[in-house]
Amino acid sequence: MQKLLRRRIPNWLILAIGMFMVIFALSVSALNKPLPEYLIAAEDLVPGEPISADSLMAASFNLGASANLYLRQGEALKDATVLSLIRQGELIPKAGLTRYLTRDFTSLRFVPELKPSKEMKPGSWVSIWQVIETEDAFESQRLISRALVLGVITEDGLFAGNSPEVEISLQLEDSSLLLSALTAGNDVYLLPVP
């Protein structure tokens, strides 16, 4: 009687086949993963006007490393407005949104006489002062007791100024005081306040 010898499948081959199947399943599931949806402007978005759900559309994109810079579908937009014009079809950058502009507020951008303090960042509060020349000496006057800093803009390049521009949000009534001081050529200073 003849004995049949069965060859056993080696353990390493079973392990290799199992690993291959797991890697194949993971790669197929990764390829079938849907792209994230980002918000784009359905119409031109103008600074100062609140963003409504009707003025936005969702589109799927793979933005790679810059994915966190743009607004995704489902992120809160309550009372938000854009800081600069965003044309129809453009992605909505997170840095271009603010919640600080409301109906009675406006924003102004100017270069203060002295460089802004390092503590002056978007979201911090400042007091605005002017210095005028009187008959006897120079006199400092507080124009606005409290205004919100929206941004500190530094420009690079050959023709960039020494001092950065500061964009602030303030009440419409107070903006006329600041505009008068700037057009009169008075020195305007920003002082951080709590």
N, C-alpha and C. Protein backbone atom coordinates (compact mmCIF):
# COMPACT_ATOMS: atom_id res chain seq x y z
N MET A 1 0.84 -1.16 0.00
CA MET A 1 0.00 0.00 0.00
C MET A 1 0.89 1.23 0.00
N GLN A 2 0.44 2.09 -0.81
CA GLN A 2 1.25 3.29 -1.00
C GLN A 2 0.72 4.41 -0.12
N LYS A 3 1.62 5.08 0.56
CA LYS A 3 1.23 6.20 1.43
C LYS A 3 1.33 7.49 0.65
N LEU A 4 0.29 8.28 0.76
CA LEU A 4 0.31 9.59 0.12
C LEU A 4 0.88 10.60 1.08
N LEU A 5 1.86 11.29 0.61
CA LEU A 5 2.46 12.34 1.43
C LEU A 5 1.87 13.68 1.02
N ARG A 6 1.35 14.36 1.96
CA ARG A 6 0.77 15.70 1.68
C ARG A 6 1.79 16.73 2.05
N ARG A 7 1.93 17.68 1.17
CA ARG A 7 2.82 18.80 1.49
C ARG A 7 2.02 19.86 2.18
N ARG A 8 2.57 20.31 3.24
CA ARG A 8 1.93 21.35 4.02
C ARG A 8 2.34 22.71 3.47
N ILE A 9 1.39 23.67 3.44
CA ILE A 9 1.69 25.03 2.98
C ILE A 9 2.48 25.72 4.09
N PRO A 10 3.60 26.31 3.74
CA PRO A 10 4.41 26.96 4.78
C PRO A 10 3.68 28.14 5.41
N ASN A 11 3.96 28.36 6.67
CA ASN A 11 3.33 29.46 7.41
C ASN A 11 3.68 30.83 6.83
N TRP A 12 4.88 31.00 6.36
CA TRP A 12 5.28 32.31 5.81
C TRP A 12 4.48 32.66 4.56
N LEU A 13 4.10 31.64 3.78
CA LEU A 13 3.31 31.90 2.57
C LEU A 13 1.89 32.32 2.95
N ILE A 14 1.32 31.69 3.95
CA ILE A 14 -0.02 32.08 4.43
C ILE A 14 0.02 33.51 4.96
N LEU A 15 1.05 33.82 5.71
CA LEU A 15 1.20 35.18 6.26
C LEU A 15 1.37 36.21 5.14
N ALA A 16 2.16 35.90 4.13
CA ALA A 16 2.39 36.82 3.02
C ALA A 16 1.11 37.08 2.24
N ILE A 17 0.34 36.03 1.98
CA ILE A 17 -0.93 36.18 1.25
C ILE A 17 -1.91 37.01 2.07
N GLY A 18 -1.96 36.77 3.37
CA GLY A 18 -2.84 37.54 4.24
C GLY A 18 -2.46 39.02 4.28
N MET A 19 -1.17 39.31 4.37
CA MET A 19 -0.70 40.70 4.37
C MET A 19 -1.02 41.39 3.04
N PHE A 20 -0.83 40.67 1.95
CA PHE A 20 -1.14 41.24 0.64
C PHE A 20 -2.61 41.59 0.54
N MET A 21 -3.49 40.73 1.04
CA MET A 21 -4.92 40.99 0.98
C MET A 21 -5.31 42.20 1.85
N VAL A 22 -4.68 42.33 3.02
CA VAL A 22 -4.96 43.48 3.89
C VAL A 22 -4.50 44.78 3.23
N ILE A 23 -3.30 44.77 2.65
CA ILE A 23 -2.78 45.97 1.97
C ILE A 23 -3.66 46.32 0.78
N PHE A 24 -4.09 45.33 0.02
CA PHE A 24 -4.96 45.58 -1.12
C PHE A 24 -6.28 46.20 -0.67
N ALA A 25 -6.88 45.67 0.39
CA ALA A 25 -8.16 46.19 0.89
C ALA A 25 -8.01 47.62 1.41
N LEU A 26 -6.90 47.91 2.10
CA LEU A 26 -6.68 49.28 2.60
C LEU A 26 -6.47 50.26 1.46
N SER A 27 -5.74 49.87 0.42
CA SER A 27 -5.51 50.80 -0.70
C SER A 27 -6.79 51.06 -1.49
N VAL A 28 -7.63 50.03 -1.66
CA VAL A 28 -8.90 50.23 -2.35
C VAL A 28 -9.81 51.14 -1.55
N SER A 29 -9.85 50.97 -0.23
CA SER A 29 -10.70 51.84 0.59
C SER A 29 -10.17 53.27 0.61
N ALA A 30 -8.85 53.45 0.55
CA ALA A 30 -8.29 54.81 0.52
C ALA A 30 -8.59 55.50 -0.80
N LEU A 31 -8.59 54.75 -1.89
CA LEU A 31 -8.89 55.35 -3.19
C LEU A 31 -10.36 55.70 -3.33
N ASN A 32 -11.22 54.97 -2.65
CA ASN A 32 -12.66 55.22 -2.73
C ASN A 32 -13.12 56.28 -1.75
N LYS A 33 -12.21 56.82 -0.96
CA LYS A 33 -12.58 57.84 0.02
C LYS A 33 -12.98 59.13 -0.70
N PRO A 34 -14.12 59.71 -0.36
CA PRO A 34 -14.54 60.93 -1.08
C PRO A 34 -13.65 62.13 -0.73
N LEU A 35 -13.53 63.03 -1.69
CA LEU A 35 -12.75 64.25 -1.48
C LEU A 35 -13.50 65.18 -0.54
N PRO A 36 -12.79 65.96 0.27
CA PRO A 36 -13.48 66.91 1.16
C PRO A 36 -14.14 68.03 0.35
N GLU A 37 -15.24 68.53 0.88
CA GLU A 37 -15.98 69.60 0.20
C GLU A 37 -15.60 70.94 0.80
N TYR A 38 -15.28 71.89 -0.06
CA TYR A 38 -14.92 73.25 0.35
C TYR A 38 -15.97 74.22 -0.18
N LEU A 39 -16.09 75.36 0.50
CA LEU A 39 -17.07 76.37 0.10
C LEU A 39 -16.44 77.32 -0.91
N ILE A 40 -17.19 77.61 -1.96
CA ILE A 40 -16.77 78.60 -2.95
C ILE A 40 -17.89 79.63 -3.09
N ALA A 41 -17.53 80.81 -3.57
CA ALA A 41 -18.50 81.90 -3.70
C ALA A 41 -19.42 81.64 -4.89
N ALA A 42 -20.72 81.66 -4.64
CA ALA A 42 -21.70 81.52 -5.71
C ALA A 42 -21.96 82.85 -6.40
N GLU A 43 -21.55 83.93 -5.74
CA GLU A 43 -21.67 85.30 -6.27
C GLU A 43 -20.53 86.11 -5.68
N ASP A 44 -20.32 87.31 -6.17
CA ASP A 44 -19.26 88.16 -5.62
C ASP A 44 -19.59 88.49 -4.16
N LEU A 45 -18.61 88.26 -3.27
CA LEU A 45 -18.79 88.57 -1.84
C LEU A 45 -18.09 89.89 -1.55
N VAL A 46 -18.85 90.84 -1.04
CA VAL A 46 -18.36 92.20 -0.80
C VAL A 46 -18.05 92.38 0.68
N PRO A 47 -16.92 93.05 1.01
CA PRO A 47 -16.60 93.28 2.43
C PRO A 47 -17.69 94.07 3.13
N GLY A 48 -17.98 93.69 4.37
CA GLY A 48 -18.97 94.39 5.19
C GLY A 48 -20.35 93.78 5.13
N GLU A 49 -20.65 93.00 4.08
CA GLU A 49 -21.96 92.37 3.99
C GLU A 49 -21.88 90.96 4.58
N PRO A 50 -22.82 90.60 5.45
CA PRO A 50 -22.79 89.25 6.04
C PRO A 50 -22.92 88.18 4.96
N ILE A 51 -22.24 87.07 5.17
CA ILE A 51 -22.29 85.97 4.21
C ILE A 51 -23.53 85.14 4.50
N SER A 52 -24.31 84.87 3.47
CA SER A 52 -25.50 84.03 3.62
C SER A 52 -25.24 82.66 3.00
N ALA A 53 -26.05 81.70 3.36
CA ALA A 53 -25.89 80.34 2.82
C ALA A 53 -26.16 80.32 1.32
N ASP A 54 -27.01 81.24 0.82
CA ASP A 54 -27.33 81.29 -0.60
C ASP A 54 -26.15 81.79 -1.44
N SER A 55 -25.23 82.51 -0.83
CA SER A 55 -24.11 83.07 -1.59
C SER A 55 -22.92 82.13 -1.66
N LEU A 56 -23.08 80.88 -1.18
CA LEU A 56 -22.00 79.91 -1.19
C LEU A 56 -22.44 78.60 -1.84
N MET A 57 -21.47 77.89 -2.43
CA MET A 57 -21.69 76.56 -2.99
C MET A 57 -20.60 75.64 -2.46
N ALA A 58 -20.85 74.35 -2.50
CA ALA A 58 -19.84 73.37 -2.07
C ALA A 58 -19.28 72.67 -3.30
N ALA A 59 -17.96 72.43 -3.28
CA ALA A 59 -17.29 71.71 -4.35
C ALA A 59 -16.20 70.84 -3.74
N SER A 60 -15.96 69.69 -4.36
CA SER A 60 -14.97 68.74 -3.86
C SER A 60 -13.61 69.02 -4.49
N PHE A 61 -12.59 69.14 -3.64
CA PHE A 61 -11.22 69.39 -4.09
C PHE A 61 -10.25 68.60 -3.24
N ASN A 62 -9.08 68.32 -3.81
CA ASN A 62 -7.97 67.79 -3.04
C ASN A 62 -6.93 68.90 -2.98
N LEU A 63 -6.87 69.64 -1.88
CA LEU A 63 -5.98 70.78 -1.75
C LEU A 63 -4.65 70.43 -1.11
N GLY A 64 -4.49 69.21 -0.69
CA GLY A 64 -3.21 68.77 -0.14
C GLY A 64 -2.83 69.52 1.13
N ALA A 65 -1.61 70.07 1.13
CA ALA A 65 -1.08 70.72 2.34
C ALA A 65 -1.81 72.01 2.69
N SER A 66 -2.44 72.66 1.70
CA SER A 66 -3.13 73.92 1.98
C SER A 66 -4.60 73.72 2.34
N ALA A 67 -4.99 72.51 2.67
CA ALA A 67 -6.40 72.22 2.97
C ALA A 67 -6.93 73.01 4.16
N ASN A 68 -6.11 73.27 5.17
CA ASN A 68 -6.59 73.97 6.37
C ASN A 68 -6.74 75.46 6.16
N LEU A 69 -6.32 76.00 5.03
CA LEU A 69 -6.40 77.44 4.79
C LEU A 69 -7.77 77.88 4.28
N TYR A 70 -8.60 76.94 3.83
CA TYR A 70 -9.87 77.28 3.20
C TYR A 70 -11.05 76.71 3.98
N LEU A 71 -12.20 77.34 3.81
CA LEU A 71 -13.41 77.00 4.55
C LEU A 71 -14.03 75.73 3.99
N ARG A 72 -14.34 74.79 4.88
CA ARG A 72 -14.96 73.53 4.46
C ARG A 72 -16.46 73.59 4.66
N GLN A 73 -17.13 72.66 3.99
CA GLN A 73 -18.57 72.52 4.13
C GLN A 73 -18.91 72.22 5.58
N GLY A 74 -19.86 72.93 6.16
CA GLY A 74 -20.30 72.67 7.53
C GLY A 74 -19.64 73.53 8.58
N GLU A 75 -18.60 74.29 8.24
CA GLU A 75 -17.96 75.15 9.23
C GLU A 75 -18.85 76.38 9.45
N ALA A 76 -18.89 76.84 10.68
CA ALA A 76 -19.81 77.91 11.08
C ALA A 76 -19.46 79.23 10.40
N LEU A 77 -20.49 79.91 9.91
CA LEU A 77 -20.33 81.22 9.26
C LEU A 77 -21.22 82.28 9.86
N LYS A 78 -21.70 82.07 11.06
CA LYS A 78 -22.65 83.01 11.66
C LYS A 78 -22.00 84.39 11.84
N ASP A 79 -22.64 85.43 11.33
CA ASP A 79 -22.22 86.82 11.44
C ASP A 79 -20.85 87.09 10.81
N ALA A 80 -20.42 86.26 9.88
CA ALA A 80 -19.12 86.46 9.25
C ALA A 80 -19.25 87.33 8.01
N THR A 81 -18.19 88.06 7.69
CA THR A 81 -18.10 88.83 6.47
C THR A 81 -16.67 88.70 5.95
N VAL A 82 -16.46 89.06 4.70
CA VAL A 82 -15.12 88.97 4.12
C VAL A 82 -14.40 90.30 4.29
N LEU A 83 -13.07 90.24 4.36
CA LEU A 83 -12.26 91.45 4.51
C LEU A 83 -11.92 92.09 3.17
N SER A 84 -11.92 91.29 2.11
CA SER A 84 -11.67 91.81 0.77
C SER A 84 -12.59 91.10 -0.21
N LEU A 85 -12.73 91.66 -1.39
CA LEU A 85 -13.65 91.12 -2.39
C LEU A 85 -13.24 89.71 -2.78
N ILE A 86 -14.20 88.79 -2.77
CA ILE A 86 -13.99 87.42 -3.25
C ILE A 86 -14.94 87.23 -4.42
N ARG A 87 -14.38 86.95 -5.58
CA ARG A 87 -15.17 86.84 -6.80
C ARG A 87 -15.87 85.48 -6.90
N GLN A 88 -16.88 85.44 -7.72
CA GLN A 88 -17.67 84.22 -7.92
C GLN A 88 -16.75 83.09 -8.39
N GLY A 89 -16.89 81.92 -7.75
CA GLY A 89 -16.11 80.75 -8.12
C GLY A 89 -14.82 80.58 -7.35
N GLU A 90 -14.43 81.56 -6.52
CA GLU A 90 -13.20 81.47 -5.74
C GLU A 90 -13.46 80.75 -4.42
N LEU A 91 -12.43 80.05 -3.93
CA LEU A 91 -12.49 79.43 -2.61
C LEU A 91 -12.54 80.52 -1.54
N ILE A 92 -13.10 80.21 -0.38
CA ILE A 92 -13.21 81.16 0.72
C ILE A 92 -12.04 80.92 1.68
N PRO A 93 -11.05 81.83 1.73
CA PRO A 93 -9.94 81.63 2.67
C PRO A 93 -10.37 81.96 4.10
N LYS A 94 -9.93 81.15 5.06
CA LYS A 94 -10.28 81.40 6.46
C LYS A 94 -9.71 82.72 6.94
N ALA A 95 -8.52 83.08 6.46
CA ALA A 95 -7.89 84.33 6.88
C ALA A 95 -8.61 85.55 6.32
N GLY A 96 -9.45 85.37 5.33
CA GLY A 96 -10.17 86.49 4.73
C GLY A 96 -11.53 86.73 5.35
N LEU A 97 -11.84 86.06 6.46
CA LEU A 97 -13.13 86.21 7.12
C LEU A 97 -12.97 86.93 8.45
N THR A 98 -14.00 87.66 8.83
CA THR A 98 -14.03 88.30 10.14
C THR A 98 -15.45 88.31 10.65
N ARG A 99 -15.57 88.35 11.97
CA ARG A 99 -16.89 88.47 12.60
C ARG A 99 -17.00 89.80 13.32
N TYR A 100 -16.03 90.68 13.11
CA TYR A 100 -15.98 91.91 13.88
C TYR A 100 -16.70 93.08 13.19
N LEU A 101 -16.95 92.97 11.89
CA LEU A 101 -17.64 94.06 11.21
C LEU A 101 -19.15 93.85 11.30
N THR A 102 -19.84 94.83 11.81
CA THR A 102 -21.30 94.78 11.86
C THR A 102 -21.84 96.04 11.20
N ARG A 103 -23.13 96.22 11.28
CA ARG A 103 -23.79 97.30 10.55
C ARG A 103 -23.26 98.69 10.92
N ASP A 104 -22.96 98.97 12.18
CA ASP A 104 -22.53 100.30 12.60
C ASP A 104 -21.01 100.45 12.64
N PHE A 105 -20.29 99.47 12.11
CA PHE A 105 -18.84 99.50 12.15
C PHE A 105 -18.26 99.56 10.75
N THR A 106 -17.03 100.04 10.67
CA THR A 106 -16.28 100.04 9.42
C THR A 106 -14.85 99.68 9.74
N SER A 107 -14.04 99.52 8.72
CA SER A 107 -12.63 99.23 8.96
C SER A 107 -11.78 100.23 8.19
N LEU A 108 -10.66 100.60 8.78
CA LEU A 108 -9.71 101.53 8.16
C LEU A 108 -8.32 100.91 8.24
N ARG A 109 -7.53 101.20 7.22
CA ARG A 109 -6.16 100.70 7.17
C ARG A 109 -5.23 101.88 6.96
N PHE A 110 -4.25 102.04 7.85
CA PHE A 110 -3.33 103.17 7.76
C PHE A 110 -2.00 102.80 8.42
N VAL A 111 -1.01 103.66 8.21
CA VAL A 111 0.31 103.46 8.81
C VAL A 111 0.43 104.40 10.00
N PRO A 112 0.53 103.85 11.22
CA PRO A 112 0.70 104.73 12.39
C PRO A 112 2.11 105.34 12.39
N GLU A 113 2.27 106.40 13.17
CA GLU A 113 3.54 107.12 13.22
C GLU A 113 4.68 106.24 13.74
N LEU A 114 4.42 105.46 14.78
CA LEU A 114 5.43 104.54 15.32
C LEU A 114 5.08 103.12 14.93
N LYS A 115 6.11 102.26 14.89
CA LYS A 115 5.85 100.84 14.60
C LYS A 115 4.94 100.27 15.67
N PRO A 116 4.00 99.40 15.28
CA PRO A 116 3.10 98.80 16.26
C PRO A 116 3.86 97.92 17.26
N SER A 117 3.34 97.85 18.46
CA SER A 117 3.90 97.00 19.50
C SER A 117 3.78 95.53 19.08
N LYS A 118 4.66 94.69 19.61
CA LYS A 118 4.60 93.26 19.31
C LYS A 118 3.34 92.63 19.88
N GLU A 119 2.75 93.26 20.88
CA GLU A 119 1.51 92.76 21.48
C GLU A 119 0.30 93.02 20.58
N MET A 120 0.47 93.89 19.60
CA MET A 120 -0.64 94.25 18.72
C MET A 120 -0.80 93.18 17.64
N LYS A 121 -1.84 92.37 17.79
CA LYS A 121 -2.13 91.27 16.88
C LYS A 121 -3.61 91.33 16.53
N PRO A 122 -4.03 90.63 15.46
CA PRO A 122 -5.46 90.59 15.16
C PRO A 122 -6.27 90.10 16.36
N GLY A 123 -7.29 90.86 16.71
CA GLY A 123 -8.13 90.54 17.86
C GLY A 123 -7.79 91.34 19.10
N SER A 124 -6.66 92.08 19.08
CA SER A 124 -6.31 92.89 20.26
C SER A 124 -6.96 94.27 20.13
N TRP A 125 -7.01 94.99 21.26
CA TRP A 125 -7.65 96.30 21.31
C TRP A 125 -6.60 97.40 21.44
N VAL A 126 -6.89 98.53 20.80
CA VAL A 126 -5.97 99.67 20.84
C VAL A 126 -6.75 100.95 21.12
N SER A 127 -6.02 101.93 21.63
CA SER A 127 -6.52 103.29 21.78
C SER A 127 -5.81 104.14 20.73
N ILE A 128 -6.52 105.06 20.08
CA ILE A 128 -5.93 105.86 19.01
C ILE A 128 -5.76 107.29 19.48
N TRP A 129 -4.52 107.79 19.35
CA TRP A 129 -4.16 109.13 19.79
C TRP A 129 -3.59 109.93 18.62
N GLN A 130 -3.70 111.24 18.73
CA GLN A 130 -3.04 112.13 17.78
C GLN A 130 -2.24 113.17 18.54
N VAL A 131 -1.20 113.67 17.91
CA VAL A 131 -0.38 114.73 18.49
C VAL A 131 -0.49 115.94 17.56
N ILE A 132 -0.90 117.09 18.15
CA ILE A 132 -1.03 118.31 17.36
C ILE A 132 -0.12 119.39 17.96
N GLU A 133 0.24 120.32 17.12
CA GLU A 133 1.11 121.40 17.57
C GLU A 133 0.24 122.59 17.97
N THR A 134 0.46 123.07 19.20
CA THR A 134 -0.24 124.26 19.69
C THR A 134 0.76 125.41 19.72
N GLU A 135 0.33 126.56 20.21
CA GLU A 135 1.21 127.72 20.26
C GLU A 135 2.41 127.49 21.16
N ASP A 136 2.22 126.81 22.27
CA ASP A 136 3.29 126.63 23.24
C ASP A 136 4.09 125.34 23.04
N ALA A 137 3.41 124.25 22.73
CA ALA A 137 4.10 122.95 22.66
C ALA A 137 3.26 121.98 21.83
N PHE A 138 3.64 120.71 21.90
CA PHE A 138 2.85 119.66 21.27
C PHE A 138 1.88 119.09 22.29
N GLU A 139 0.68 118.80 21.82
CA GLU A 139 -0.35 118.31 22.71
C GLU A 139 -0.89 116.98 22.17
N SER A 140 -0.98 115.99 23.07
CA SER A 140 -1.55 114.70 22.66
C SER A 140 -3.02 114.65 23.03
N GLN A 141 -3.82 114.12 22.11
CA GLN A 141 -5.26 114.02 22.31
C GLN A 141 -5.71 112.61 21.96
N ARG A 142 -6.56 112.06 22.82
CA ARG A 142 -7.11 110.74 22.51
C ARG A 142 -8.29 110.91 21.57
N LEU A 143 -8.20 110.28 20.41
CA LEU A 143 -9.28 110.34 19.43
C LEU A 143 -10.34 109.27 19.72
N ILE A 144 -9.88 108.02 19.89
CA ILE A 144 -10.79 106.90 20.06
C ILE A 144 -10.27 106.06 21.21
N SER A 145 -11.13 105.80 22.17
CA SER A 145 -10.68 105.09 23.37
C SER A 145 -10.45 103.61 23.14
N ARG A 146 -11.19 103.00 22.20
CA ARG A 146 -11.06 101.55 22.02
C ARG A 146 -11.46 101.17 20.60
N ALA A 147 -10.53 100.51 19.90
CA ALA A 147 -10.79 100.00 18.55
C ALA A 147 -10.15 98.62 18.42
N LEU A 148 -10.71 97.79 17.57
CA LEU A 148 -10.25 96.41 17.41
C LEU A 148 -9.28 96.29 16.25
N VAL A 149 -8.16 95.61 16.47
CA VAL A 149 -7.18 95.39 15.41
C VAL A 149 -7.61 94.18 14.59
N LEU A 150 -7.79 94.39 13.28
CA LEU A 150 -8.15 93.29 12.38
C LEU A 150 -6.92 92.65 11.77
N GLY A 151 -5.85 93.43 11.61
CA GLY A 151 -4.65 92.87 11.02
C GLY A 151 -3.49 93.84 11.08
N VAL A 152 -2.28 93.28 11.12
CA VAL A 152 -1.05 94.05 11.03
C VAL A 152 -0.36 93.56 9.78
N ILE A 153 -0.27 94.43 8.76
CA ILE A 153 0.18 94.03 7.44
C ILE A 153 1.59 94.55 7.20
N THR A 154 2.52 93.64 7.02
CA THR A 154 3.89 94.01 6.68
C THR A 154 4.13 93.61 5.23
N GLU A 155 4.70 94.52 4.47
CA GLU A 155 4.96 94.26 3.07
C GLU A 155 6.46 94.06 2.86
N ASP A 156 6.79 93.13 1.99
CA ASP A 156 8.17 92.88 1.64
C ASP A 156 8.44 93.46 0.26
N GLY A 157 9.69 93.72 0.00
CA GLY A 157 10.06 94.18 -1.33
C GLY A 157 10.83 95.48 -1.29
N LEU A 158 11.20 95.93 -2.46
CA LEU A 158 12.04 97.11 -2.61
C LEU A 158 11.34 98.39 -2.17
N PHE A 159 10.05 98.50 -2.46
CA PHE A 159 9.33 99.73 -2.17
C PHE A 159 8.46 99.63 -0.91
N ALA A 160 8.69 98.63 -0.10
CA ALA A 160 7.91 98.47 1.14
C ALA A 160 8.34 99.54 2.14
N GLY A 161 7.38 100.02 2.92
CA GLY A 161 7.67 101.04 3.94
C GLY A 161 8.32 100.44 5.16
N ASN A 162 8.86 101.31 6.00
CA ASN A 162 9.51 100.83 7.22
C ASN A 162 8.51 100.36 8.26
N SER A 163 7.38 101.03 8.33
CA SER A 163 6.38 100.71 9.35
C SER A 163 5.22 99.95 8.71
N PRO A 164 4.73 98.89 9.37
CA PRO A 164 3.61 98.14 8.79
C PRO A 164 2.29 98.89 8.90
N GLU A 165 1.38 98.53 8.01
CA GLU A 165 0.03 99.08 8.07
C GLU A 165 -0.77 98.31 9.12
N VAL A 166 -1.73 99.00 9.73
CA VAL A 166 -2.62 98.37 10.71
C VAL A 166 -4.04 98.58 10.23
N GLU A 167 -4.80 97.48 10.20
CA GLU A 167 -6.22 97.57 9.85
C GLU A 167 -7.03 97.44 11.13
N ILE A 168 -7.92 98.40 11.35
CA ILE A 168 -8.71 98.41 12.57
C ILE A 168 -10.19 98.48 12.25
N SER A 169 -10.99 97.98 13.16
CA SER A 169 -12.44 98.07 13.07
C SER A 169 -12.91 99.06 14.13
N LEU A 170 -13.72 100.03 13.72
CA LEU A 170 -14.22 101.02 14.66
C LEU A 170 -15.61 101.48 14.25
N GLN A 171 -16.28 102.15 15.17
CA GLN A 171 -17.63 102.63 14.89
C GLN A 171 -17.59 103.70 13.82
N LEU A 172 -18.67 103.79 13.05
CA LEU A 172 -18.74 104.77 11.97
C LEU A 172 -18.57 106.20 12.49
N GLU A 173 -19.13 106.48 13.65
CA GLU A 173 -19.02 107.83 14.22
C GLU A 173 -17.55 108.18 14.51
N ASP A 174 -16.81 107.20 15.03
CA ASP A 174 -15.41 107.45 15.37
C ASP A 174 -14.50 107.54 14.15
N SER A 175 -14.93 106.94 13.04
CA SER A 175 -14.07 106.94 11.85
C SER A 175 -13.84 108.35 11.32
N SER A 176 -14.81 109.24 11.49
CA SER A 176 -14.63 110.62 11.00
C SER A 176 -13.53 111.34 11.78
N LEU A 177 -13.38 111.06 13.09
CA LEU A 177 -12.31 111.66 13.87
C LEU A 177 -10.94 111.21 13.36
N LEU A 178 -10.80 109.92 13.09
CA LEU A 178 -9.54 109.39 12.61
C LEU A 178 -9.23 109.90 11.20
N LEU A 179 -10.24 109.94 10.34
CA LEU A 179 -10.03 110.45 8.98
C LEU A 179 -9.61 111.92 9.00
N SER A 180 -10.20 112.71 9.87
CA SER A 180 -9.83 114.12 9.98
C SER A 180 -8.38 114.28 10.42
N ALA A 181 -7.96 113.46 11.37
CA ALA A 181 -6.58 113.54 11.85
C ALA A 181 -5.60 113.12 10.77
N LEU A 182 -5.93 112.09 10.02
CA LEU A 182 -5.03 111.62 8.97
C LEU A 182 -4.93 112.61 7.81
N THR A 183 -6.05 113.18 7.41
CA THR A 183 -6.01 114.13 6.30
C THR A 183 -5.37 115.46 6.71
N ALA A 184 -5.41 115.80 7.99
CA ALA A 184 -4.76 117.03 8.47
C ALA A 184 -3.25 116.84 8.59
N GLY A 185 -2.78 115.61 8.46
CA GLY A 185 -1.34 115.35 8.55
C GLY A 185 -0.84 115.24 9.98
N ASN A 186 -1.74 115.05 10.94
CA ASN A 186 -1.31 114.90 12.33
C ASN A 186 -0.68 113.52 12.54
N ASP A 187 0.24 113.46 13.50
CA ASP A 187 0.84 112.18 13.85
C ASP A 187 -0.18 111.36 14.63
N VAL A 188 -0.44 110.13 14.15
CA VAL A 188 -1.43 109.24 14.78
C VAL A 188 -0.70 108.05 15.37
N TYR A 189 -1.03 107.71 16.62
CA TYR A 189 -0.37 106.65 17.36
C TYR A 189 -1.40 105.64 17.84
N LEU A 190 -0.97 104.38 17.96
CA LEU A 190 -1.82 103.32 18.49
C LEU A 190 -1.21 102.80 19.77
N LEU A 191 -1.99 102.74 20.82
CA LEU A 191 -1.52 102.24 22.12
C LEU A 191 -2.37 101.04 22.51
N PRO A 192 -1.73 99.89 22.80
CA PRO A 192 -2.51 98.71 23.23
C PRO A 192 -3.25 98.98 24.55
N VAL A 193 -4.50 98.53 24.60
CA VAL A 193 -5.30 98.64 25.82
C VAL A 193 -5.92 97.27 26.10
N PRO A 194 -6.28 97.02 27.38
CA PRO A 194 -6.90 95.72 27.71
C PRO A 194 -8.35 95.66 27.23
